Amino acid sequence: MKKARFSFWIPLIAGGIALISGFVVWSVNIYRVTYLSIRGEQYLACGALLLALVPMVYFIRKGRLKGKRLADAVKIYLGFFICSLPVAMFVVFTTAWLLEGDYSAWSNPYRYESSTRHSCSGAEVYEPELKKEIRICNPQGNVYSDTILYVEKRSNALGIVVLWAITRA
């Protein structure tokens, strides 16, 4: 097939745009509101390690690692691990977001955190179920002068999903 034809390039470009758009929608609607519990983080780590093991076994069976040192094999495995981490993150975060759970609400004092290169601006608050600080992006209300954050969430085995948050005086 000639690579200069539109029948090759149009589906390739449309698929690339759809993939990028899907990632942006996923990161805004699912990744920012889902916080993993310790069990969810363990599933994420195990999933990425096992997913990286699949191409490693394939390479070993095909004999592509013959004559390579152990350090080279470890480097290849770490490369596969780094490539498999986004796939495992997508699966675990989406599963945590889709699972049903118990609905609950709580109020806690918070502090405002401005946006950085890798995160959004919002309220930094202690989450009692996860036992750690989480950043809730852009809660409703006046984040600069209010002092209490009211959060409604859904909890399941993999973590929590923040459904709604508002600041109160």
Foldseek 3Di string as FASTA:
>chain_A
DDPVDPVNVVVVVVVVVVVVVVVVCCCVPFVQFWDFAPVLVVQLLVQLLVQLVVVLVVCVVVVVCPPPDPVVSVVSSVVSSVVSNVVSCSVSRVVQVPDAADKDKDKDWWAWDPDDPPGHTATFTQDVVRRGTDGRHDAAEDRPPATMKMWIWGADPTGIGTDHIYGHD
